[in-house]
Full PDB file with SEQRES, HELIX, SHEET, SSBOND, CRYST1, ORIGX, SCALE, CONECT and MASTER records, all heavy atoms in Angstrom:
SEQRES   1 A   34  ALA ALA THR PRO GLU PHE ILE GLY ALA ILE GLY LEU ASP          
SEQRES   2 A   34  ALA HIS LEU SER PRO THR ARG SER ASN GLY LEU ASN SER          
SEQRES   3 A   34  MET ILE GLU ALA ILE LYS ARG ALA                              
HELIX    1 AA1 PHE A    6  ALA A    9  1                                   4    
HELIX    2 AA2 LEU A   12  HIS A   15  1                                   4    
HELIX    3 AA3 PRO A   18  ARG A   33  1                                  16    
CRYST1    1.000    1.000    1.000  90.00  90.00  90.00 P 1           1          
ORIGX1      1.000000  0.000000  0.000000        0.00000                         
ORIGX2      0.000000  1.000000  0.000000        0.00000                         
ORIGX3      0.000000  0.000000  1.000000        0.00000                         
SCALE1      1.000000  0.000000  0.000000        0.00000                         
SCALE2      0.000000  1.000000  0.000000        0.00000                         
SCALE3      0.000000  0.000000  1.000000        0.00000                         
ATOM      1  N   ALA A   1      15.525  12.111   3.983  1.00  0.00           N  
ATOM      2  CA  ALA A   1      15.599  10.894   4.790  1.00  0.00           C  
ATOM      3  C   ALA A   1      14.351  10.018   4.698  1.00  0.00           C  
ATOM      4  O   ALA A   1      14.395   8.844   5.050  1.00  0.00           O  
ATOM      5  CB  ALA A   1      15.848  11.273   6.257  1.00  0.00           C  
ATOM      6  N   ALA A   2      13.258  10.571   4.217  1.00  0.00           N  
ATOM      7  CA  ALA A   2      11.976   9.852   4.229  1.00  0.00           C  
ATOM      8  C   ALA A   2      11.939   8.714   3.211  1.00  0.00           C  
ATOM      9  O   ALA A   2      12.421   8.846   2.092  1.00  0.00           O  
ATOM     10  CB  ALA A   2      10.834  10.823   3.950  1.00  0.00           C  
ATOM     11  N   THR A   3      11.337   7.619   3.635  1.00  0.00           N  
ATOM     12  CA  THR A   3      11.052   6.501   2.741  1.00  0.00           C  
ATOM     13  C   THR A   3       9.564   6.569   2.404  1.00  0.00           C  
ATOM     14  O   THR A   3       8.738   6.696   3.307  1.00  0.00           O  
ATOM     15  CB  THR A   3      11.362   5.166   3.441  1.00  0.00           C  
ATOM     16  OG1 THR A   3      12.739   5.177   3.828  1.00  0.00           O  
ATOM     17  CG2 THR A   3      11.099   3.990   2.523  1.00  0.00           C  
ATOM     18  N   PRO A   4       9.211   6.501   1.120  1.00  0.00           N  
ATOM     19  CA  PRO A   4       7.791   6.599   0.741  1.00  0.00           C  
ATOM     20  C   PRO A   4       7.017   5.318   1.053  1.00  0.00           C  
ATOM     21  O   PRO A   4       6.609   4.580   0.159  1.00  0.00           O  
ATOM     22  CB  PRO A   4       7.843   6.900  -0.754  1.00  0.00           C  
ATOM     23  CG  PRO A   4       9.129   6.315  -1.217  1.00  0.00           C  
ATOM     24  CD  PRO A   4      10.080   6.419  -0.052  1.00  0.00           C  
ATOM     25  N   GLU A   5       6.805   5.074   2.329  1.00  0.00           N  
ATOM     26  CA  GLU A   5       6.109   3.871   2.786  1.00  0.00           C  
ATOM     27  C   GLU A   5       4.667   3.802   2.275  1.00  0.00           C  
ATOM     28  O   GLU A   5       4.107   2.717   2.123  1.00  0.00           O  
ATOM     29  CB  GLU A   5       6.102   3.821   4.323  1.00  0.00           C  
ATOM     30  CG  GLU A   5       7.468   3.841   4.964  1.00  0.00           C  
ATOM     31  CD  GLU A   5       8.257   2.573   4.768  1.00  0.00           C  
ATOM     32  OE1 GLU A   5       7.644   1.529   4.455  1.00  0.00           O  
ATOM     33  OE2 GLU A   5       9.491   2.620   4.904  1.00  0.00           O  
ATOM     34  N   PHE A   6       4.060   4.950   2.031  1.00  0.00           N  
ATOM     35  CA  PHE A   6       2.661   5.000   1.622  1.00  0.00           C  
ATOM     36  C   PHE A   6       2.409   4.272   0.309  1.00  0.00           C  
ATOM     37  O   PHE A   6       1.313   3.769   0.089  1.00  0.00           O  
ATOM     38  CB  PHE A   6       2.169   6.454   1.534  1.00  0.00           C  
ATOM     39  CG  PHE A   6       2.781   7.241   0.410  1.00  0.00           C  
ATOM     40  CD1 PHE A   6       2.154   7.315  -0.822  1.00  0.00           C  
ATOM     41  CD2 PHE A   6       3.978   7.917   0.590  1.00  0.00           C  
ATOM     42  CE1 PHE A   6       2.720   8.026  -1.866  1.00  0.00           C  
ATOM     43  CE2 PHE A   6       4.547   8.645  -0.445  1.00  0.00           C  
ATOM     44  CZ  PHE A   6       3.919   8.705  -1.674  1.00  0.00           C  
ATOM     45  N   ILE A   7       3.392   4.191  -0.562  1.00  0.00           N  
ATOM     46  CA  ILE A   7       3.191   3.575  -1.874  1.00  0.00           C  
ATOM     47  C   ILE A   7       2.731   2.129  -1.723  1.00  0.00           C  
ATOM     48  O   ILE A   7       1.731   1.719  -2.305  1.00  0.00           O  
ATOM     49  CB  ILE A   7       4.470   3.679  -2.736  1.00  0.00           C  
ATOM     50  CG1 ILE A   7       4.755   5.150  -3.072  1.00  0.00           C  
ATOM     51  CG2 ILE A   7       4.319   2.856  -4.020  1.00  0.00           C  
ATOM     52  CD1 ILE A   7       6.082   5.373  -3.774  1.00  0.00           C  
ATOM     53  N   GLY A   8       3.446   1.366  -0.949  1.00  0.00           N  
ATOM     54  CA  GLY A   8       3.059  -0.024  -0.717  1.00  0.00           C  
ATOM     55  C   GLY A   8       1.873  -0.141   0.214  1.00  0.00           C  
ATOM     56  O   GLY A   8       0.998  -0.995   0.017  1.00  0.00           O  
ATOM     57  N   ALA A   9       1.828   0.719   1.223  1.00  0.00           N  
ATOM     58  CA  ALA A   9       0.776   0.614   2.238  1.00  0.00           C  
ATOM     59  C   ALA A   9      -0.621   0.862   1.671  1.00  0.00           C  
ATOM     60  O   ALA A   9      -1.584   0.252   2.136  1.00  0.00           O  
ATOM     61  CB  ALA A   9       1.055   1.577   3.388  1.00  0.00           C  
ATOM     62  N   ILE A  10      -0.730   1.741   0.670  1.00  0.00           N  
ATOM     63  CA  ILE A  10      -2.062   1.973   0.098  1.00  0.00           C  
ATOM     64  C   ILE A  10      -2.278   1.179  -1.186  1.00  0.00           C  
ATOM     65  O   ILE A  10      -3.354   1.209  -1.752  1.00  0.00           O  
ATOM     66  CB  ILE A  10      -2.375   3.476  -0.109  1.00  0.00           C  
ATOM     67  CG1 ILE A  10      -1.449   4.126  -1.125  1.00  0.00           C  
ATOM     68  CG2 ILE A  10      -2.360   4.205   1.215  1.00  0.00           C  
ATOM     69  CD1 ILE A  10      -1.763   5.599  -1.389  1.00  0.00           C  
ATOM     70  N   GLY A  11      -1.250   0.468  -1.637  1.00  0.00           N  
ATOM     71  CA  GLY A  11      -1.403  -0.414  -2.782  1.00  0.00           C  
ATOM     72  C   GLY A  11      -1.063   0.187  -4.129  1.00  0.00           C  
ATOM     73  O   GLY A  11      -1.328  -0.429  -5.155  1.00  0.00           O  
ATOM     74  N   LEU A  12      -0.462   1.370  -4.135  1.00  0.00           N  
ATOM     75  CA  LEU A  12      -0.104   1.972  -5.428  1.00  0.00           C  
ATOM     76  C   LEU A  12       0.907   1.117  -6.180  1.00  0.00           C  
ATOM     77  O   LEU A  12       0.854   1.042  -7.406  1.00  0.00           O  
ATOM     78  CB  LEU A  12       0.457   3.389  -5.231  1.00  0.00           C  
ATOM     79  CG  LEU A  12      -0.532   4.445  -4.790  1.00  0.00           C  
ATOM     80  CD1 LEU A  12       0.185   5.750  -4.486  1.00  0.00           C  
ATOM     81  CD2 LEU A  12      -1.602   4.661  -5.851  1.00  0.00           C  
ATOM     82  N   ASP A  13       1.788   0.459  -5.457  1.00  0.00           N  
ATOM     83  CA  ASP A  13       2.799  -0.374  -6.105  1.00  0.00           C  
ATOM     84  C   ASP A  13       2.180  -1.511  -6.913  1.00  0.00           C  
ATOM     85  O   ASP A  13       2.714  -1.939  -7.925  1.00  0.00           O  
ATOM     86  CB  ASP A  13       3.795  -0.915  -5.087  1.00  0.00           C  
ATOM     87  CG  ASP A  13       3.136  -1.693  -3.956  1.00  0.00           C  
ATOM     88  OD1 ASP A  13       1.918  -1.522  -3.717  1.00  0.00           O  
ATOM     89  OD2 ASP A  13       3.857  -2.462  -3.288  1.00  0.00           O  
ATOM     90  N   ALA A  14       1.017  -1.989  -6.489  1.00  0.00           N  
ATOM     91  CA  ALA A  14       0.361  -3.106  -7.166  1.00  0.00           C  
ATOM     92  C   ALA A  14      -0.721  -2.667  -8.143  1.00  0.00           C  
ATOM     93  O   ALA A  14      -1.137  -3.463  -8.989  1.00  0.00           O  
ATOM     94  CB  ALA A  14      -0.261  -4.048  -6.131  1.00  0.00           C  
ATOM     95  N   HIS A  15      -1.176  -1.403  -8.062  1.00  0.00           N  
ATOM     96  CA  HIS A  15      -2.325  -0.998  -8.862  1.00  0.00           C  
ATOM     97  C   HIS A  15      -2.050   0.099  -9.883  1.00  0.00           C  
ATOM     98  O   HIS A  15      -2.953   0.467 -10.634  1.00  0.00           O  
ATOM     99  CB  HIS A  15      -3.478  -0.573  -7.943  1.00  0.00           C  
ATOM    100  CG  HIS A  15      -4.083  -1.742  -7.239  1.00  0.00           C  
ATOM    101  ND1 HIS A  15      -3.631  -2.175  -6.021  1.00  0.00           N  
ATOM    102  CD2 HIS A  15      -5.071  -2.585  -7.607  1.00  0.00           C  
ATOM    103  CE1 HIS A  15      -4.330  -3.234  -5.660  1.00  0.00           C  
ATOM    104  NE2 HIS A  15      -5.204  -3.512  -6.599  1.00  0.00           N  
ATOM    105  N   LEU A  16      -0.835   0.618  -9.927  1.00  0.00           N  
ATOM    106  CA  LEU A  16      -0.499   1.580 -10.969  1.00  0.00           C  
ATOM    107  C   LEU A  16       0.126   0.833 -12.143  1.00  0.00           C  
ATOM    108  O   LEU A  16       0.844  -0.153 -11.947  1.00  0.00           O  
ATOM    109  CB  LEU A  16       0.507   2.620 -10.459  1.00  0.00           C  
ATOM    110  CG  LEU A  16      -0.001   3.652  -9.465  1.00  0.00           C  
ATOM    111  CD1 LEU A  16       1.150   4.573  -9.060  1.00  0.00           C  
ATOM    112  CD2 LEU A  16      -1.155   4.463 -10.043  1.00  0.00           C  
ATOM    113  N   SER A  17      -0.125   1.322 -13.334  1.00  0.00           N  
ATOM    114  CA  SER A  17       0.534   0.747 -14.499  1.00  0.00           C  
ATOM    115  C   SER A  17       2.044   0.993 -14.370  1.00  0.00           C  
ATOM    116  O   SER A  17       2.467   1.898 -13.639  1.00  0.00           O  
ATOM    117  CB  SER A  17       0.007   1.402 -15.781  1.00  0.00           C  
ATOM    118  OG  SER A  17       0.441   2.756 -15.836  1.00  0.00           O  
ATOM    119  N   PRO A  18       2.847   0.216 -15.069  1.00  0.00           N  
ATOM    120  CA  PRO A  18       4.301   0.429 -14.985  1.00  0.00           C  
ATOM    121  C   PRO A  18       4.715   1.857 -15.369  1.00  0.00           C  
ATOM    122  O   PRO A  18       5.598   2.426 -14.733  1.00  0.00           O  
ATOM    123  CB  PRO A  18       4.870  -0.595 -15.975  1.00  0.00           C  
ATOM    124  CG  PRO A  18       3.855  -1.688 -15.991  1.00  0.00           C  
ATOM    125  CD  PRO A  18       2.522  -0.991 -15.848  1.00  0.00           C  
ATOM    126  N   THR A  19       4.065   2.436 -16.366  1.00  0.00           N  
ATOM    127  CA  THR A  19       4.443   3.795 -16.760  1.00  0.00           C  
ATOM    128  C   THR A  19       4.048   4.814 -15.695  1.00  0.00           C  
ATOM    129  O   THR A  19       4.790   5.758 -15.432  1.00  0.00           O  
ATOM    130  CB  THR A  19       3.829   4.184 -18.125  1.00  0.00           C  
ATOM    131  OG1 THR A  19       2.407   4.001 -18.064  1.00  0.00           O  
ATOM    132  CG2 THR A  19       4.403   3.347 -19.245  1.00  0.00           C  
ATOM    133  N   ARG A  20       2.898   4.643 -15.074  1.00  0.00           N  
ATOM    134  CA  ARG A  20       2.494   5.556 -13.990  1.00  0.00           C  
ATOM    135  C   ARG A  20       3.397   5.367 -12.768  1.00  0.00           C  
ATOM    136  O   ARG A  20       3.750   6.319 -12.094  1.00  0.00           O  
ATOM    137  CB  ARG A  20       1.038   5.337 -13.604  1.00  0.00           C  
ATOM    138  CG  ARG A  20       0.085   5.704 -14.700  1.00  0.00           C  
ATOM    139  CD  ARG A  20      -0.903   6.750 -14.239  1.00  0.00           C  
ATOM    140  NE  ARG A  20      -1.982   6.886 -15.190  1.00  0.00           N  
ATOM    141  CZ  ARG A  20      -1.954   7.695 -16.241  1.00  0.00           C  
ATOM    142  NH1 ARG A  20      -0.898   8.410 -16.479  1.00  0.00           N  
ATOM    143  NH2 ARG A  20      -2.972   7.768 -17.065  1.00  0.00           N  
ATOM    144  N   SER A  21       3.763   4.126 -12.498  1.00  0.00           N  
ATOM    145  CA  SER A  21       4.666   3.849 -11.386  1.00  0.00           C  
ATOM    146  C   SER A  21       6.031   4.504 -11.623  1.00  0.00           C  
ATOM    147  O   SER A  21       6.608   5.103 -10.711  1.00  0.00           O  
ATOM    148  CB  SER A  21       4.815   2.342 -11.222  1.00  0.00           C  
ATOM    149  OG  SER A  21       5.567   2.045 -10.084  1.00  0.00           O  
ATOM    150  N   ASN A  22       6.534   4.403 -12.853  1.00  0.00           N  
ATOM    151  CA  ASN A  22       7.797   5.074 -13.200  1.00  0.00           C  
ATOM    152  C   ASN A  22       7.668   6.581 -13.023  1.00  0.00           C  
ATOM    153  O   ASN A  22       8.584   7.236 -12.523  1.00  0.00           O  
ATOM    154  CB  ASN A  22       8.204   4.772 -14.646  1.00  0.00           C  
ATOM    155  CG  ASN A  22       8.706   3.368 -14.821  1.00  0.00           C  
ATOM    156  OD1 ASN A  22       9.103   2.702 -13.875  1.00  0.00           O  
ATOM    157  ND2 ASN A  22       8.681   2.890 -16.057  1.00  0.00           N  
ATOM    158  N   GLY A  23       6.534   7.134 -13.430  1.00  0.00           N  
ATOM    159  CA  GLY A  23       6.302   8.565 -13.278  1.00  0.00           C  
ATOM    160  C   GLY A  23       6.266   8.974 -11.817  1.00  0.00           C  
ATOM    161  O   GLY A  23       6.838   9.998 -11.434  1.00  0.00           O  
ATOM    162  N   LEU A  24       5.587   8.185 -10.990  1.00  0.00           N  
ATOM    163  CA  LEU A  24       5.530   8.473  -9.557  1.00  0.00           C  
ATOM    164  C   LEU A  24       6.940   8.468  -8.968  1.00  0.00           C  
ATOM    165  O   LEU A  24       7.320   9.372  -8.219  1.00  0.00           O  
ATOM    166  CB  LEU A  24       4.638   7.448  -8.847  1.00  0.00           C  
ATOM    167  CG  LEU A  24       4.526   7.579  -7.332  1.00  0.00           C  
ATOM    168  CD1 LEU A  24       3.908   8.917  -6.939  1.00  0.00           C  
ATOM    169  CD2 LEU A  24       3.711   6.420  -6.763  1.00  0.00           C  
ATOM    170  N   ASN A  25       7.728   7.463  -9.332  1.00  0.00           N  
ATOM    171  CA  ASN A  25       9.104   7.397  -8.846  1.00  0.00           C  
ATOM    172  C   ASN A  25       9.929   8.579  -9.341  1.00  0.00           C  
ATOM    173  O   ASN A  25      10.741   9.128  -8.595  1.00  0.00           O  
ATOM    174  CB  ASN A  25       9.753   6.074  -9.242  1.00  0.00           C  
ATOM    175  CG  ASN A  25       9.171   4.910  -8.464  1.00  0.00           C  
ATOM    176  OD1 ASN A  25       8.791   5.054  -7.308  1.00  0.00           O  
ATOM    177  ND2 ASN A  25       9.084   3.755  -9.099  1.00  0.00           N  
ATOM    178  N   SER A  26       9.715   9.005 -10.584  1.00  0.00           N  
ATOM    179  CA  SER A  26      10.428  10.173 -11.118  1.00  0.00           C  
ATOM    180  C   SER A  26      10.058  11.434 -10.355  1.00  0.00           C  
ATOM    181  O   SER A  26      10.923  12.278 -10.083  1.00  0.00           O  
ATOM    182  CB  SER A  26      10.112  10.366 -12.609  1.00  0.00           C  
ATOM    183  OG  SER A  26      10.637   9.307 -13.368  1.00  0.00           O  
ATOM    184  N   MET A  27       8.785  11.572  -9.995  1.00  0.00           N  
ATOM    185  CA  MET A  27       8.367  12.742  -9.218  1.00  0.00           C  
ATOM    186  C   MET A  27       9.004  12.728  -7.833  1.00  0.00           C  
ATOM    187  O   MET A  27       9.489  13.759  -7.351  1.00  0.00           O  
ATOM    188  CB  MET A  27       6.844  12.801  -9.122  1.00  0.00           C  
ATOM    189  CG  MET A  27       6.172  13.154 -10.436  1.00  0.00           C  
ATOM    190  SD  MET A  27       4.383  13.403 -10.293  1.00  0.00           S  
ATOM    191  CE  MET A  27       3.779  11.723 -10.141  1.00  0.00           C  
ATOM    192  N   ILE A  28       9.031  11.572  -7.184  1.00  0.00           N  
ATOM    193  CA  ILE A  28       9.652  11.466  -5.858  1.00  0.00           C  
ATOM    194  C   ILE A  28      11.141  11.781  -5.950  1.00  0.00           C  
ATOM    195  O   ILE A  28      11.688  12.506  -5.114  1.00  0.00           O  
ATOM    196  CB  ILE A  28       9.390  10.083  -5.239  1.00  0.00           C  
ATOM    197  CG1 ILE A  28       7.909   9.930  -4.905  1.00  0.00           C  
ATOM    198  CG2 ILE A  28      10.250   9.878  -3.983  1.00  0.00           C  
ATOM    199  CD1 ILE A  28       7.492   8.528  -4.512  1.00  0.00           C  
ATOM    200  N   GLU A  29      11.805  11.263  -6.979  1.00  0.00           N  
ATOM    201  CA  GLU A  29      13.234  11.544  -7.159  1.00  0.00           C  
ATOM    202  C   GLU A  29      13.475  13.036  -7.339  1.00  0.00           C  
ATOM    203  O   GLU A  29      14.429  13.591  -6.781  1.00  0.00           O  
ATOM    204  CB  GLU A  29      13.781  10.769  -8.357  1.00  0.00           C  
ATOM    205  CG  GLU A  29      13.915   9.288  -8.107  1.00  0.00           C  
ATOM    206  CD  GLU A  29      14.246   8.501  -9.373  1.00  0.00           C  
ATOM    207  OE1 GLU A  29      14.578   9.127 -10.413  1.00  0.00           O  
ATOM    208  OE2 GLU A  29      14.171   7.265  -9.321  1.00  0.00           O  
ATOM    209  N   ALA A  30      12.616  13.721  -8.104  1.00  0.00           N  
ATOM    210  CA  ALA A  30      12.764  15.161  -8.318  1.00  0.00           C  
ATOM    211  C   ALA A  30      12.568  15.920  -7.005  1.00  0.00           C  
ATOM    212  O   ALA A  30      13.299  16.878  -6.711  1.00  0.00           O  
ATOM    213  CB  ALA A  30      11.770  15.646  -9.375  1.00  0.00           C  
ATOM    214  N   ILE A  31      11.600  15.507  -6.211  1.00  0.00           N  
ATOM    215  CA  ILE A  31      11.365  16.141  -4.913  1.00  0.00           C  
ATOM    216  C   ILE A  31      12.573  15.933  -4.006  1.00  0.00           C  
ATOM    217  O   ILE A  31      13.048  16.867  -3.346  1.00  0.00           O  
ATOM    218  CB  ILE A  31      10.068  15.585  -4.278  1.00  0.00           C  
ATOM    219  CG1 ILE A  31       8.847  16.128  -5.029  1.00  0.00           C  
ATOM    220  CG2 ILE A  31       9.999  15.904  -2.792  1.00  0.00           C  
ATOM    221  CD1 ILE A  31       7.538  15.453  -4.682  1.00  0.00           C  
ATOM    222  N   LYS A  32      13.114  14.732  -3.992  1.00  0.00           N  
ATOM    223  CA  LYS A  32      14.273  14.443  -3.146  1.00  0.00           C  
ATOM    224  C   LYS A  32      15.524  15.178  -3.640  1.00  0.00           C  
ATOM    225  O   LYS A  32      16.331  15.640  -2.821  1.00  0.00           O  
ATOM    226  CB  LYS A  32      14.505  12.942  -3.050  1.00  0.00           C  
ATOM    227  CG  LYS A  32      13.457  12.269  -2.165  1.00  0.00           C  
ATOM    228  CD  LYS A  32      13.817  10.831  -1.875  1.00  0.00           C  
ATOM    229  CE  LYS A  32      12.893  10.247  -0.851  1.00  0.00           C  
ATOM    230  NZ  LYS A  32      13.399  10.403   0.506  1.00  0.00           N  
ATOM    231  N   ARG A  33      15.681  15.327  -4.951  1.00  0.00           N  
ATOM    232  CA  ARG A  33      16.807  16.114  -5.492  1.00  0.00           C  
ATOM    233  C   ARG A  33      16.703  17.569  -5.039  1.00  0.00           C  
ATOM    234  O   ARG A  33      17.674  18.174  -4.605  1.00  0.00           O  
ATOM    235  CB  ARG A  33      16.854  16.048  -7.012  1.00  0.00           C  
ATOM    236  CG  ARG A  33      17.679  14.922  -7.569  1.00  0.00           C  
ATOM    237  CD  ARG A  33      17.964  15.085  -9.054  1.00  0.00           C  
ATOM    238  NE  ARG A  33      16.815  15.413  -9.868  1.00  0.00           N  
ATOM    239  CZ  ARG A  33      15.950  14.518 -10.371  1.00  0.00           C  
ATOM    240  NH1 ARG A  33      16.127  13.231 -10.108  1.00  0.00           N  
ATOM    241  NH2 ARG A  33      14.950  14.904 -11.108  1.00  0.00           N  
ATOM    242  N   ALA A  34      15.494  18.123  -5.146  1.00  0.00           N  
ATOM    243  CA  ALA A  34      15.277  19.505  -4.714  1.00  0.00           C  
ATOM    244  C   ALA A  34      15.552  19.640  -3.219  1.00  0.00           C  
ATOM    245  O   ALA A  34      16.166  20.617  -2.772  1.00  0.00           O  
ATOM    246  CB  ALA A  34      13.842  19.940  -5.032  1.00  0.00           C  
TER     247      ALA A  34                                                      
MASTER        0    0    0    3    0    0    0    6  246    1    0    3          
END                                                                             
């Protein structure tokens, strides 16, 4: 049920490269699948 609010709140959405951002999203998706 959790929304990863921290990503925008700490600025990761604006300061990670697109590939790192995709990786972060892939990790969150894997955690949510589990």
